[in-house]
Amino acid sequence: MKPLVDHTSAIQSRAYRLTKPHEVIETMIQHAVHDWLVVIEPTLGSVCHADLRYYTGQRRPEALQRKLPMALIHEGLGTIVKSSIPQLVDGQRVVIVPNMQGYLLDGSDPEHCCDACNGGAGINYCSCGRFLGSGTDGIAQHRLVVPAACAIPVPDEVPDEIAVLAELCTVSYQALTHVEEKLSKARVAVFGDGPVGYLAAAMLHHVYGVSQDRLTIFGAVPEKLAQFELTNRFLVQEYDFTSSGGTYDIVVECTGGRFSEGAINQAIDILSPGGHLILMGVTEDRVPINTRDILEKGITLRGSSRSSIPDYYPVLAAMKDPACQAALRKLLPDEAITVKSAEDFSKAMNFAEENRGWKKVLLDFQW
């Protein structure tokens, strides 16, 4: 239920908005601030491939037309600058949850929201919600207004540069919750030697306790594959998938793009009867897959995208472990890129576009 009295106010936010591919302007936008919302000053952001698809114009034209202009970035953290919630005080460090359910936005309860939030697919698939940097202005603004529940306090033991990876880690965690009861014994394979695959492997090991003897990574770049120290590792171009059927109980596909077709079909090859295939890689194209073996093996195929508030707490708890921090630091650059203007933001996005390598691109917002 909404509060009986709502002391609504309004604030202006200075935002770096993408107006068309490769063009960012600084503009002012206005936010209404209800009592169930908090105001955050973003301090550190991380560039996702989803941001780059907007920035480089790789999204479908109709999507760009519908969603732009828009401030990008959905991976980040900041400090509270205004809150009516006793648990969130000024100056507190918080991780920002970009997936905001409709009932949180309007200050009501799940039962007043959509079917997904009321016993359906779950709050991760709320049809009334908004997602930062995808249809609504994201973290690239100096005053971000979100529901209080979407501001998760950062444990003192977790430094900013580790906490900024929380959103991407929770996406893997959310995907794995659907096979959680099997992970204590399952043989698991991950396709993809990029950041998504690496963090999926990190969550499997550091949160779910999947040991090296049960965890395998398939990748295409030897230098990237070498970073996966807590797993078995194979190059896809050297592995014989046709003679390795029935080896794995769960496969997580984290490749996306033009590599999705090969990875999905190779995953089908190596899955045991009754196995589970989780798709996390994003592609704008339709992908042909081997439905015959899906049917004959009784494979369960599930897509998973984004994460929700409950996923952040176990991930942040795991991030307090120095061993987990050491694993995640492999994805961090030597330093973050300072962003003080729209021009700085464009330069950072251009750098991310030209350096789609192993390490993340971090944005040090200085407002």
Protein backbone atom coordinates (compact mmCIF):
# COMPACT_ATOMS: atom_id res chain seq x y z
CA MET A 1 0.00 0.00 0.00
CA LYS A 2 1.12 3.56 -0.66
CA PRO A 3 1.86 5.73 2.36
CA LEU A 4 -1.09 7.86 3.53
CA VAL A 5 1.09 10.95 3.09
CA ASP A 6 3.57 11.21 0.26
CA HIS A 7 5.94 14.15 0.59
CA THR A 8 6.78 14.30 -3.11
CA SER A 9 9.50 16.66 -4.27
CA ALA A 10 11.39 17.15 -7.52
CA ILE A 11 15.06 17.34 -8.44
CA GLN A 12 17.05 18.19 -11.54
CA SER A 13 19.63 15.72 -12.78
CA ARG A 14 22.51 16.41 -15.14
CA ALA A 15 22.58 13.49 -17.58
CA TYR A 16 24.80 12.26 -20.40
CA ARG A 17 22.20 11.13 -22.92
CA LEU A 18 22.77 9.13 -26.08
CA THR A 19 20.67 10.81 -28.79
CA LYS A 20 21.79 8.61 -31.68
CA PRO A 21 24.65 6.15 -32.15
CA HIS A 22 27.99 7.72 -31.19
CA GLU A 23 26.38 11.03 -30.17
CA VAL A 24 26.11 11.97 -26.47
CA ILE A 25 24.90 15.31 -25.12
CA GLU A 26 24.66 16.76 -21.64
CA THR A 27 21.12 17.71 -20.68
CA MET A 28 18.97 18.30 -17.62
CA ILE A 29 16.14 15.95 -16.73
CA GLN A 30 13.66 16.20 -13.89
CA HIS A 31 12.75 13.44 -11.44
CA ALA A 32 9.86 13.25 -9.01
CA VAL A 33 11.06 12.02 -5.62
CA HIS A 34 8.43 10.14 -3.63
CA ASP A 35 8.98 8.98 -0.07
CA TRP A 36 9.62 5.37 -1.19
CA LEU A 37 12.38 6.48 -3.57
CA VAL A 38 15.98 7.47 -2.85
CA VAL A 39 18.38 9.80 -4.62
CA ILE A 40 21.83 8.46 -5.45
CA GLU A 41 24.92 10.16 -6.79
CA PRO A 42 26.60 7.56 -9.05
CA THR A 43 30.33 7.25 -8.38
CA LEU A 44 31.51 4.24 -10.38
CA GLY A 45 30.02 2.58 -13.45
CA SER A 46 30.93 -0.34 -15.68
CA VAL A 47 30.33 -0.55 -19.42
CA CYS A 48 28.32 -3.57 -20.57
CA HIS A 49 28.06 -4.99 -24.08
CA ALA A 50 24.39 -4.00 -23.91
CA ASP A 51 25.46 -0.35 -23.54
CA LEU A 52 27.74 -0.75 -26.54
CA ARG A 53 24.94 -2.18 -28.66
CA TYR A 54 23.03 1.07 -28.14
CA TYR A 55 26.09 3.30 -28.47
CA THR A 56 27.30 1.69 -31.71
CA GLY A 57 23.81 1.34 -33.24
CA GLN A 58 23.79 -2.47 -33.22
CA ARG A 59 20.27 -2.62 -31.81
CA ARG A 60 17.40 -2.87 -34.28
CA PRO A 61 16.44 0.55 -35.73
CA GLU A 62 12.95 0.40 -34.24
CA ALA A 63 14.43 -0.19 -30.76
CA LEU A 64 16.79 2.76 -31.11
CA GLN A 65 13.97 4.99 -32.30
CA ARG A 66 11.76 3.95 -29.39
CA LYS A 67 14.34 4.20 -26.60
CA LEU A 68 16.58 7.15 -27.48
CA PRO A 69 17.43 9.70 -26.18
CA MET A 70 18.58 7.88 -23.06
CA ALA A 71 21.37 7.92 -20.48
CA LEU A 72 23.26 4.63 -20.62
CA ILE A 73 24.92 2.36 -18.00
CA HIS A 74 23.17 -0.10 -15.69
CA GLU A 75 26.15 -1.55 -13.81
CA GLY A 76 27.23 0.73 -11.00
CA LEU A 77 27.24 2.04 -7.49
CA GLY A 78 26.99 5.38 -5.75
CA THR A 79 26.26 7.18 -2.51
CA ILE A 80 22.91 8.13 -1.01
CA VAL A 81 22.24 11.89 -1.13
CA LYS A 82 18.55 11.89 -0.14
CA SER A 83 16.51 9.22 1.62
CA SER A 84 13.39 8.95 3.76
CA ILE A 85 14.31 5.35 4.61
CA PRO A 86 16.06 4.92 8.02
CA GLN A 87 18.19 2.03 6.71
CA LEU A 88 19.66 4.21 3.95
CA VAL A 89 21.47 7.31 5.17
CA ASP A 90 23.25 10.13 3.40
CA GLY A 91 26.73 9.17 2.24
CA GLN A 92 26.07 5.43 2.38
CA ARG A 93 27.61 3.31 -0.38
CA VAL A 94 25.05 1.33 -2.35
CA VAL A 95 24.99 -0.96 -5.35
CA ILE A 96 22.30 0.07 -7.83
CA VAL A 97 19.79 -2.59 -8.94
CA PRO A 98 18.74 -1.61 -12.49
CA ASN A 99 15.75 -3.98 -12.74
CA MET A 100 12.99 -1.98 -11.03
CA GLN A 101 9.61 -3.71 -10.62
CA GLY A 102 6.43 -1.73 -11.21
CA TYR A 103 5.16 -2.02 -7.64
CA LEU A 104 8.45 -0.58 -6.34
CA LEU A 105 8.22 2.37 -8.70
CA ASP A 106 4.71 3.33 -7.59
CA GLY A 107 5.19 2.52 -3.91
CA SER A 108 2.66 -0.30 -3.76
CA ASP A 109 2.86 -4.07 -3.18
CA PRO A 110 3.49 -7.07 -5.48
CA GLU A 111 -0.19 -8.04 -5.44
CA HIS A 112 -0.99 -4.72 -7.11
CA CYS A 113 1.45 -5.42 -9.94
CA CYS A 114 1.48 -7.91 -12.84
CA ASP A 115 0.99 -11.66 -13.13
CA ALA A 116 4.75 -12.26 -13.05
CA CYS A 117 4.94 -10.64 -9.61
CA ASN A 118 1.96 -12.69 -8.34
CA GLY A 119 2.95 -16.31 -8.62
CA GLY A 120 3.85 -16.21 -12.30
CA ALA A 121 7.34 -16.12 -13.83
CA GLY A 122 8.70 -14.10 -10.91
CA ILE A 123 9.68 -10.50 -10.25
CA ASN A 124 12.64 -10.77 -12.61
CA TYR A 125 10.10 -10.71 -15.45
CA CYS A 126 7.79 -7.95 -14.21
CA SER A 127 5.86 -6.54 -17.17
CA CYS A 128 5.25 -3.20 -15.44
CA GLY A 129 8.84 -2.45 -14.51
CA ARG A 130 11.70 -0.44 -15.94
CA PHE A 131 15.36 -1.22 -16.52
CA LEU A 132 18.03 1.45 -16.21
CA GLY A 133 19.81 2.20 -19.47
CA SER A 134 17.23 0.26 -21.50
CA GLY A 135 14.13 2.32 -22.10
CA THR A 136 14.67 4.60 -19.11
CA ASP A 137 17.61 6.83 -18.21
CA GLY A 138 20.48 4.90 -16.66
CA ILE A 139 23.34 5.59 -14.28
CA ALA A 140 25.13 8.21 -16.43
CA GLN A 141 23.52 11.11 -14.54
CA HIS A 142 24.48 12.98 -11.40
CA ARG A 143 21.22 12.40 -9.51
CA LEU A 144 19.68 8.97 -9.98
CA VAL A 145 16.26 8.28 -8.45
CA VAL A 146 15.34 4.65 -7.76
CA PRO A 147 13.14 2.69 -5.34
CA ALA A 148 14.80 2.32 -1.94
CA ALA A 149 14.78 -1.46 -2.32
CA CYS A 150 16.97 -1.06 -5.42
CA ALA A 151 19.76 0.54 -3.39
CA ILE A 152 21.67 -2.33 -1.75
CA PRO A 153 24.20 -1.37 0.97
CA VAL A 154 27.75 -2.43 0.17
CA PRO A 155 29.47 -4.41 2.96
CA ASP A 156 32.50 -2.65 4.43
CA GLU A 157 34.72 -5.55 3.35
CA VAL A 158 33.87 -5.04 -0.33
CA PRO A 159 35.79 -2.27 -2.17
CA ASP A 160 34.10 -0.19 -4.86
CA GLU A 161 35.93 -1.82 -7.77
CA ILE A 162 34.64 -5.25 -6.68
CA ALA A 163 31.12 -4.05 -5.83
CA VAL A 164 30.71 -2.53 -9.30
CA LEU A 165 30.77 -6.08 -10.70
CA ALA A 166 27.77 -7.09 -8.59
CA GLU A 167 25.14 -6.58 -11.28
CA LEU A 168 26.91 -8.78 -13.80
CA CYS A 169 27.60 -11.39 -11.12
CA THR A 170 23.94 -11.45 -10.12
CA VAL A 171 22.89 -12.13 -13.70
CA SER A 172 24.87 -15.38 -13.52
CA TYR A 173 23.60 -16.09 -10.02
CA GLN A 174 19.98 -15.63 -11.16
CA ALA A 175 20.49 -18.03 -14.07
CA LEU A 176 21.94 -20.66 -11.78
CA THR A 177 19.15 -20.46 -9.18
CA HIS A 178 16.99 -22.54 -11.52
CA VAL A 179 19.35 -25.52 -11.18
CA GLU A 180 20.55 -24.76 -7.66
CA GLU A 181 19.44 -28.06 -6.17
CA LYS A 182 21.57 -29.98 -8.70
CA LEU A 183 24.82 -28.04 -8.29
CA SER A 184 26.12 -29.98 -5.29
CA LYS A 185 26.82 -32.99 -7.53
CA ALA A 186 26.38 -31.87 -11.15
CA ARG A 187 29.07 -31.78 -13.80
CA VAL A 188 28.91 -28.27 -15.25
CA ALA A 189 30.32 -26.70 -18.40
CA VAL A 190 30.43 -23.03 -19.39
CA PHE A 191 30.82 -21.86 -22.99
CA GLY A 192 32.48 -18.47 -23.34
CA ASP A 193 35.87 -17.13 -22.26
CA GLY A 194 34.77 -13.50 -21.93
CA PRO A 195 33.65 -11.61 -18.80
CA VAL A 196 30.16 -13.20 -18.73
CA GLY A 197 31.60 -16.72 -18.90
CA TYR A 198 34.26 -15.88 -16.33
CA LEU A 199 31.75 -14.50 -13.85
CA ALA A 200 29.45 -17.47 -14.38
CA ALA A 201 32.38 -19.71 -13.48
CA ALA A 202 33.23 -17.51 -10.48
CA MET A 203 29.66 -17.71 -9.17
CA LEU A 204 29.57 -21.48 -9.70
CA HIS A 205 32.75 -21.87 -7.65
CA HIS A 206 32.57 -19.14 -4.99
CA VAL A 207 28.81 -19.08 -4.35
CA TYR A 208 27.64 -22.58 -5.24
CA GLY A 209 30.80 -24.49 -4.34
CA VAL A 210 31.30 -26.29 -7.66
CA SER A 211 34.84 -27.67 -7.48
CA GLN A 212 37.37 -27.75 -10.30
CA ASP A 213 36.88 -31.45 -11.00
CA ARG A 214 33.22 -30.77 -11.85
CA LEU A 215 33.61 -27.44 -13.69
CA THR A 216 34.80 -27.03 -17.28
CA ILE A 217 35.22 -23.97 -19.51
CA PHE A 218 35.16 -24.04 -23.30
CA GLY A 219 36.72 -21.03 -25.00
CA ALA A 220 38.35 -19.92 -28.21
CA VAL A 221 41.23 -17.66 -27.06
CA PRO A 222 44.13 -19.33 -25.20
CA GLU A 223 45.12 -16.14 -23.35
CA LYS A 224 41.59 -15.68 -21.99
CA LEU A 225 41.13 -19.35 -21.21
CA ALA A 226 44.30 -19.29 -19.12
CA GLN A 227 42.58 -16.94 -16.65
CA PHE A 228 40.09 -19.66 -15.61
CA GLU A 229 42.38 -21.22 -13.02
CA LEU A 230 39.71 -22.93 -10.92
CA THR A 231 38.29 -24.96 -13.81
CA ASN A 232 39.12 -27.53 -16.43
CA ARG A 233 39.76 -25.73 -19.74
CA PHE A 234 39.39 -26.70 -23.38
CA LEU A 235 39.71 -24.83 -26.66
CA VAL A 236 36.57 -25.36 -28.74
CA GLN A 237 38.61 -25.62 -31.93
CA GLU A 238 40.54 -28.59 -30.52
CA TYR A 239 37.81 -30.48 -28.64
CA ASP A 240 35.91 -33.38 -30.22
CA PHE A 241 32.31 -32.69 -29.22
CA THR A 242 30.83 -35.48 -31.35
CA SER A 243 32.51 -38.24 -29.31
CA SER A 244 31.94 -36.69 -25.88
CA GLY A 245 28.18 -37.08 -25.55
CA GLY A 246 26.61 -37.36 -22.12
CA THR A 247 29.52 -35.81 -20.22
CA TYR A 248 27.77 -32.87 -18.53
CA ASP A 249 24.58 -32.40 -16.54
CA ILE A 250 24.38 -28.62 -16.90
CA VAL A 251 25.76 -26.30 -19.57
CA VAL A 252 25.72 -22.50 -19.38
CA GLU A 253 26.06 -20.71 -22.74
CA CYS A 254 27.69 -17.28 -22.35
CA THR A 255 29.01 -16.61 -25.85
CA GLY A 256 26.30 -14.66 -27.65
CA GLY A 257 26.60 -12.96 -31.02
CA ARG A 258 27.81 -14.93 -34.01
CA PHE A 259 29.24 -17.67 -31.78
CA SER A 260 25.87 -18.60 -30.27
CA GLU A 261 24.96 -21.18 -32.90
CA GLY A 262 28.15 -23.19 -32.49
CA ALA A 263 28.15 -23.00 -28.71
CA ILE A 264 24.49 -24.03 -28.33
CA ASN A 265 24.82 -27.01 -30.63
CA GLN A 266 28.09 -28.13 -29.06
CA ALA A 267 26.41 -27.87 -25.67
CA ILE A 268 23.59 -30.11 -26.89
CA ASP A 269 26.22 -32.62 -28.04
CA ILE A 270 27.85 -32.95 -24.63
CA LEU A 271 24.77 -32.84 -22.40
CA SER A 272 23.55 -35.98 -20.68
CA PRO A 273 19.97 -37.18 -21.11
CA GLY A 274 17.78 -35.03 -18.93
CA GLY A 275 20.44 -32.31 -18.86
CA HIS A 276 19.90 -28.57 -18.54
CA LEU A 277 21.02 -25.92 -21.02
CA ILE A 278 20.96 -22.32 -19.76
CA LEU A 279 21.25 -19.58 -22.38
CA MET A 280 22.80 -16.28 -21.28
CA GLY A 281 24.54 -15.07 -24.44
CA VAL A 282 22.73 -12.30 -26.34
CA THR A 283 22.43 -12.19 -30.12
CA GLU A 284 20.31 -10.02 -32.38
CA ASP A 285 20.02 -12.85 -34.92
CA ARG A 286 17.97 -16.03 -34.98
CA VAL A 287 20.03 -19.13 -34.26
CA PRO A 288 19.38 -22.61 -35.75
CA ILE A 289 19.73 -25.38 -33.16
CA ASN A 290 19.67 -29.17 -33.09
CA THR A 291 16.10 -29.78 -31.90
CA ARG A 292 16.31 -33.53 -32.64
CA ASP A 293 18.85 -34.12 -29.89
CA ILE A 294 17.01 -31.78 -27.53
CA LEU A 295 13.97 -34.03 -27.96
CA GLU A 296 15.80 -37.34 -27.88
CA LYS A 297 17.83 -36.42 -24.78
CA GLY A 298 14.97 -34.69 -23.00
CA ILE A 299 17.06 -31.56 -22.52
CA THR A 300 15.58 -28.64 -20.60
CA LEU A 301 16.47 -25.35 -22.29
CA ARG A 302 16.04 -22.14 -20.35
CA GLY A 303 16.83 -18.55 -21.21
CA SER A 304 17.95 -16.20 -18.45
CA SER A 305 18.46 -12.45 -18.57
CA ARG A 306 18.93 -9.81 -15.91
CA SER A 307 18.57 -10.27 -12.17
CA SER A 308 16.49 -8.97 -9.27
CA ILE A 309 16.96 -7.60 -5.76
CA PRO A 310 17.15 -10.97 -3.90
CA ASP A 311 20.10 -12.04 -6.07
CA TYR A 312 22.35 -9.26 -4.76
CA TYR A 313 22.58 -10.29 -1.13
CA PRO A 314 24.28 -13.71 -1.59
CA VAL A 315 26.56 -12.24 -4.26
CA LEU A 316 27.68 -9.34 -2.05
CA ALA A 317 28.18 -11.80 0.81
CA ALA A 318 30.45 -13.92 -1.39
CA MET A 319 32.35 -10.78 -2.42
CA LYS A 320 33.53 -10.35 1.18
CA ASP A 321 35.76 -13.42 0.72
CA PRO A 322 39.31 -12.39 -0.29
CA ALA A 323 39.53 -15.42 -2.58
CA CYS A 324 36.43 -14.29 -4.46
CA GLN A 325 37.82 -10.75 -4.68
CA ALA A 326 41.10 -12.08 -6.08
CA ALA A 327 39.22 -13.99 -8.77
CA LEU A 328 37.11 -10.97 -9.74
CA ARG A 329 40.12 -8.63 -9.89
CA LYS A 330 41.24 -10.41 -13.04
CA LEU A 331 38.48 -8.54 -14.87
CA LEU A 332 39.47 -5.11 -13.55
CA PRO A 333 41.50 -2.57 -15.53
CA ASP A 334 44.55 -0.84 -14.08
CA GLU A 335 42.43 2.27 -13.53
CA ALA A 336 38.98 3.66 -14.21
CA ILE A 337 38.37 6.33 -16.85
CA THR A 338 37.54 9.73 -15.36
CA VAL A 339 34.23 11.13 -16.62
CA LYS A 340 33.53 14.83 -15.99
CA SER A 341 31.60 15.71 -19.16
CA ALA A 342 29.59 14.31 -22.06
CA GLU A 343 32.78 14.46 -24.13
CA ASP A 344 34.59 12.34 -21.54
CA PHE A 345 31.71 9.86 -21.56
CA SER A 346 31.85 9.57 -25.37
CA LYS A 347 35.61 9.02 -25.25
CA ALA A 348 35.15 6.27 -22.68
CA MET A 349 32.49 4.56 -24.80
CA ASN A 350 34.70 4.85 -27.89
CA PHE A 351 37.52 3.23 -25.93
CA ALA A 352 35.21 0.42 -24.84
CA GLU A 353 34.09 -0.07 -28.45
CA GLU A 354 37.69 -0.32 -29.67
CA ASN A 355 38.89 -2.52 -26.80
CA ARG A 356 36.35 -5.31 -26.43
CA GLY A 357 38.81 -7.45 -24.62
CA TRP A 358 39.00 -9.38 -21.41
CA LYS A 359 38.84 -6.55 -18.90
CA LYS A 360 35.89 -4.35 -18.04
CA VAL A 361 35.86 -0.61 -18.72
CA LEU A 362 35.12 1.32 -15.52
CA LEU A 363 33.83 4.90 -15.37
CA ASP A 364 34.89 7.14 -12.49
CA PHE A 365 32.08 9.73 -12.41
CA GLN A 366 33.20 13.09 -11.06
CA TRP A 367 30.25 15.46 -10.98
